[in-house]
Amino acid sequence: MDQVLQIAGAILILGAFLLSQMNVLDNRSKIYLVLNLAGSAVLAVLAYVDDDWGFLLLEGVWALVSGAGLLRALRPRRAAT
């Protein structure tokens, strides 16, 4: 089951990257950030369970950065004065 989750997480991240490189998704779009957050969070949890600290660092930071970007994208924009 771990292998299926690892592949699913990797596909989410790689799919977002591929779509970004093909100019289908902007790397600041909500869907791009959600795909990255979901994929990296899955992989970070699996790395934690397996005591794979280097991979946990990589995927954990990836998830935090994607989450911060998503929060920024979801925040209402202030009107210009």
N, C-alpha and C. Protein backbone atom coordinates (compact mmCIF):
# COMPACT_ATOMS: atom_id res chain seq x y z
N MET A 1 0.82 -1.20 0.00
CA MET A 1 0.00 0.00 0.00
C MET A 1 0.86 1.26 0.00
N ASP A 2 2.00 1.20 0.72
CA ASP A 2 2.91 2.35 0.75
C ASP A 2 3.38 2.72 -0.65
N GLN A 3 3.66 1.71 -1.46
CA GLN A 3 4.13 1.96 -2.82
C GLN A 3 3.08 2.69 -3.65
N VAL A 4 1.83 2.31 -3.49
CA VAL A 4 0.74 2.95 -4.22
C VAL A 4 0.63 4.41 -3.80
N LEU A 5 0.73 4.69 -2.50
CA LEU A 5 0.66 6.07 -2.00
C LEU A 5 1.87 6.88 -2.48
N GLN A 6 3.05 6.26 -2.49
CA GLN A 6 4.24 6.97 -2.97
C GLN A 6 4.08 7.35 -4.44
N ILE A 7 3.59 6.43 -5.23
CA ILE A 7 3.40 6.70 -6.66
C ILE A 7 2.34 7.78 -6.85
N ALA A 8 1.26 7.71 -6.10
CA ALA A 8 0.20 8.72 -6.20
C ALA A 8 0.73 10.10 -5.83
N GLY A 9 1.48 10.19 -4.73
CA GLY A 9 2.06 11.48 -4.34
C GLY A 9 3.00 12.02 -5.39
N ALA A 10 3.84 11.16 -5.93
CA ALA A 10 4.78 11.58 -6.97
C ALA A 10 4.05 12.03 -8.23
N ILE A 11 2.99 11.32 -8.60
CA ILE A 11 2.22 11.70 -9.79
C ILE A 11 1.58 13.07 -9.61
N LEU A 12 1.08 13.37 -8.42
CA LEU A 12 0.49 14.69 -8.18
C LEU A 12 1.52 15.78 -8.39
N ILE A 13 2.70 15.62 -7.81
CA ILE A 13 3.75 16.63 -7.93
C ILE A 13 4.25 16.73 -9.36
N LEU A 14 4.55 15.59 -9.96
CA LEU A 14 5.09 15.60 -11.32
C LEU A 14 4.05 16.06 -12.33
N GLY A 15 2.79 15.72 -12.10
CA GLY A 15 1.73 16.19 -12.99
C GLY A 15 1.61 17.71 -12.97
N ALA A 16 1.65 18.28 -11.77
CA ALA A 16 1.60 19.75 -11.66
C ALA A 16 2.80 20.38 -12.36
N PHE A 17 3.97 19.80 -12.16
CA PHE A 17 5.18 20.33 -12.79
C PHE A 17 5.09 20.23 -14.31
N LEU A 18 4.66 19.09 -14.82
CA LEU A 18 4.52 18.91 -16.25
C LEU A 18 3.54 19.92 -16.85
N LEU A 19 2.39 20.08 -16.21
CA LEU A 19 1.39 21.04 -16.70
C LEU A 19 1.92 22.48 -16.64
N SER A 20 2.73 22.78 -15.66
CA SER A 20 3.34 24.10 -15.56
C SER A 20 4.34 24.31 -16.71
N GLN A 21 5.13 23.30 -16.98
CA GLN A 21 6.12 23.40 -18.05
C GLN A 21 5.47 23.49 -19.43
N MET A 22 4.27 22.94 -19.56
CA MET A 22 3.53 23.00 -20.82
C MET A 22 2.67 24.25 -20.91
N ASN A 23 2.81 25.16 -19.95
CA ASN A 23 2.03 26.40 -19.88
C ASN A 23 0.53 26.16 -19.78
N VAL A 24 0.14 25.05 -19.17
CA VAL A 24 -1.27 24.78 -18.92
C VAL A 24 -1.66 25.35 -17.56
N LEU A 25 -0.75 25.23 -16.58
CA LEU A 25 -0.97 25.77 -15.24
C LEU A 25 0.10 26.81 -14.92
N ASP A 26 -0.31 27.87 -14.27
CA ASP A 26 0.63 28.84 -13.72
C ASP A 26 1.12 28.30 -12.38
N ASN A 27 2.41 28.48 -12.09
CA ASN A 27 2.93 27.91 -10.84
C ASN A 27 2.45 28.65 -9.59
N ARG A 28 1.63 29.68 -9.75
CA ARG A 28 1.00 30.34 -8.61
C ARG A 28 -0.50 30.08 -8.56
N SER A 29 -0.99 29.24 -9.48
CA SER A 29 -2.42 28.95 -9.50
C SER A 29 -2.79 28.04 -8.33
N LYS A 30 -4.04 28.13 -7.94
CA LYS A 30 -4.52 27.35 -6.80
C LYS A 30 -4.41 25.85 -7.07
N ILE A 31 -4.78 25.41 -8.27
CA ILE A 31 -4.74 23.98 -8.57
C ILE A 31 -3.30 23.46 -8.55
N TYR A 32 -2.36 24.23 -9.06
CA TYR A 32 -0.94 23.84 -9.03
C TYR A 32 -0.47 23.68 -7.59
N LEU A 33 -0.82 24.65 -6.76
CA LEU A 33 -0.40 24.61 -5.35
C LEU A 33 -1.07 23.48 -4.58
N VAL A 34 -2.34 23.21 -4.87
CA VAL A 34 -3.05 22.12 -4.21
C VAL A 34 -2.43 20.77 -4.60
N LEU A 35 -2.12 20.60 -5.88
CA LEU A 35 -1.49 19.35 -6.32
C LEU A 35 -0.14 19.15 -5.64
N ASN A 36 0.66 20.21 -5.56
CA ASN A 36 1.95 20.12 -4.89
C ASN A 36 1.80 19.86 -3.40
N LEU A 37 0.88 20.55 -2.76
CA LEU A 37 0.66 20.36 -1.33
C LEU A 37 0.20 18.93 -1.04
N ALA A 38 -0.76 18.44 -1.78
CA ALA A 38 -1.27 17.09 -1.55
C ALA A 38 -0.18 16.04 -1.78
N GLY A 39 0.51 16.14 -2.89
CA GLY A 39 1.55 15.17 -3.19
C GLY A 39 2.69 15.18 -2.19
N SER A 40 3.16 16.36 -1.85
CA SER A 40 4.28 16.44 -0.92
C SER A 40 3.87 16.06 0.50
N ALA A 41 2.63 16.35 0.89
CA ALA A 41 2.16 15.96 2.22
C ALA A 41 2.08 14.44 2.34
N VAL A 42 1.58 13.78 1.32
CA VAL A 42 1.52 12.31 1.32
C VAL A 42 2.93 11.75 1.44
N LEU A 43 3.84 12.25 0.64
CA LEU A 43 5.21 11.74 0.67
C LEU A 43 5.92 12.07 1.98
N ALA A 44 5.61 13.21 2.57
CA ALA A 44 6.22 13.58 3.86
C ALA A 44 5.75 12.64 4.96
N VAL A 45 4.48 12.32 4.98
CA VAL A 45 3.95 11.39 6.00
C VAL A 45 4.60 10.02 5.83
N LEU A 46 4.70 9.55 4.62
CA LEU A 46 5.34 8.25 4.38
C LEU A 46 6.80 8.27 4.79
N ALA A 47 7.50 9.36 4.53
CA ALA A 47 8.90 9.48 4.93
C ALA A 47 9.02 9.46 6.45
N TYR A 48 8.10 10.11 7.14
CA TYR A 48 8.11 10.11 8.60
C TYR A 48 7.90 8.70 9.15
N VAL A 49 6.92 8.00 8.60
CA VAL A 49 6.61 6.65 9.04
C VAL A 49 7.82 5.72 8.83
N ASP A 50 8.55 5.94 7.75
CA ASP A 50 9.70 5.09 7.42
C ASP A 50 11.01 5.61 8.01
N ASP A 51 10.96 6.65 8.85
CA ASP A 51 12.18 7.25 9.43
C ASP A 51 13.20 7.66 8.36
N ASP A 52 12.70 8.19 7.26
CA ASP A 52 13.56 8.63 6.16
C ASP A 52 13.71 10.15 6.27
N TRP A 53 14.65 10.59 7.10
CA TRP A 53 14.72 11.99 7.53
C TRP A 53 15.09 12.95 6.41
N GLY A 54 15.95 12.58 5.52
CA GLY A 54 16.30 13.45 4.40
C GLY A 54 15.11 13.70 3.49
N PHE A 55 14.39 12.64 3.20
CA PHE A 55 13.20 12.75 2.36
C PHE A 55 12.10 13.51 3.07
N LEU A 56 11.99 13.31 4.39
CA LEU A 56 11.01 14.06 5.17
C LEU A 56 11.32 15.55 5.12
N LEU A 57 12.59 15.91 5.23
CA LEU A 57 12.98 17.32 5.14
C LEU A 57 12.58 17.90 3.79
N LEU A 58 12.92 17.20 2.72
CA LEU A 58 12.59 17.67 1.37
C LEU A 58 11.09 17.84 1.19
N GLU A 59 10.34 16.79 1.47
CA GLU A 59 8.89 16.84 1.23
C GLU A 59 8.16 17.71 2.24
N GLY A 60 8.66 17.75 3.48
CA GLY A 60 8.04 18.61 4.49
C GLY A 60 8.16 20.08 4.13
N VAL A 61 9.34 20.49 3.70
CA VAL A 61 9.54 21.88 3.28
C VAL A 61 8.72 22.16 2.02
N TRP A 62 8.69 21.21 1.10
CA TRP A 62 7.90 21.36 -0.12
C TRP A 62 6.42 21.60 0.24
N ALA A 63 5.91 20.83 1.18
CA ALA A 63 4.51 20.98 1.61
C ALA A 63 4.28 22.33 2.28
N LEU A 64 5.22 22.75 3.14
CA LEU A 64 5.08 24.05 3.82
C LEU A 64 5.08 25.20 2.83
N VAL A 65 5.98 25.16 1.86
CA VAL A 65 6.07 26.23 0.86
C VAL A 65 4.81 26.24 0.00
N SER A 66 4.36 25.07 -0.41
CA SER A 66 3.13 24.99 -1.21
C SER A 66 1.93 25.47 -0.42
N GLY A 67 1.86 25.09 0.86
CA GLY A 67 0.76 25.55 1.71
C GLY A 67 0.76 27.06 1.91
N ALA A 68 1.94 27.63 2.10
CA ALA A 68 2.03 29.09 2.26
C ALA A 68 1.60 29.79 0.97
N GLY A 69 2.02 29.25 -0.16
CA GLY A 69 1.61 29.84 -1.45
C GLY A 69 0.12 29.73 -1.66
N LEU A 70 -0.46 28.61 -1.25
CA LEU A 70 -1.90 28.43 -1.39
C LEU A 70 -2.66 29.40 -0.49
N LEU A 71 -2.21 29.57 0.74
CA LEU A 71 -2.86 30.54 1.63
C LEU A 71 -2.80 31.95 1.05
N ARG A 72 -1.66 32.28 0.46
CA ARG A 72 -1.52 33.60 -0.16
C ARG A 72 -2.47 33.73 -1.36
N ALA A 73 -2.62 32.65 -2.12
CA ALA A 73 -3.51 32.69 -3.28
C ALA A 73 -4.98 32.76 -2.87
N LEU A 74 -5.31 32.22 -1.71
CA LEU A 74 -6.70 32.22 -1.25
C LEU A 74 -7.10 33.51 -0.54
N ARG A 75 -6.11 34.27 -0.10
CA ARG A 75 -6.40 35.52 0.61
C ARG A 75 -7.04 36.53 -0.35
N PRO A 76 -8.09 37.20 0.11
CA PRO A 76 -8.69 38.23 -0.75
C PRO A 76 -7.70 39.37 -1.00
N ARG A 77 -7.71 39.85 -2.20
CA ARG A 77 -6.81 40.95 -2.55
C ARG A 77 -7.41 42.26 -2.08
N ARG A 78 -6.51 43.12 -1.60
CA ARG A 78 -6.96 44.45 -1.16
C ARG A 78 -7.08 45.36 -2.37
N ALA A 79 -8.07 46.21 -2.32
CA ALA A 79 -8.27 47.17 -3.42
C ALA A 79 -7.16 48.20 -3.40
N ALA A 80 -6.70 48.59 -4.57
CA ALA A 80 -5.66 49.62 -4.67
C ALA A 80 -6.26 50.97 -4.30
N THR A 81 -5.46 51.77 -3.59
CA THR A 81 -5.96 53.09 -3.18
C THR A 81 -5.39 54.17 -4.03
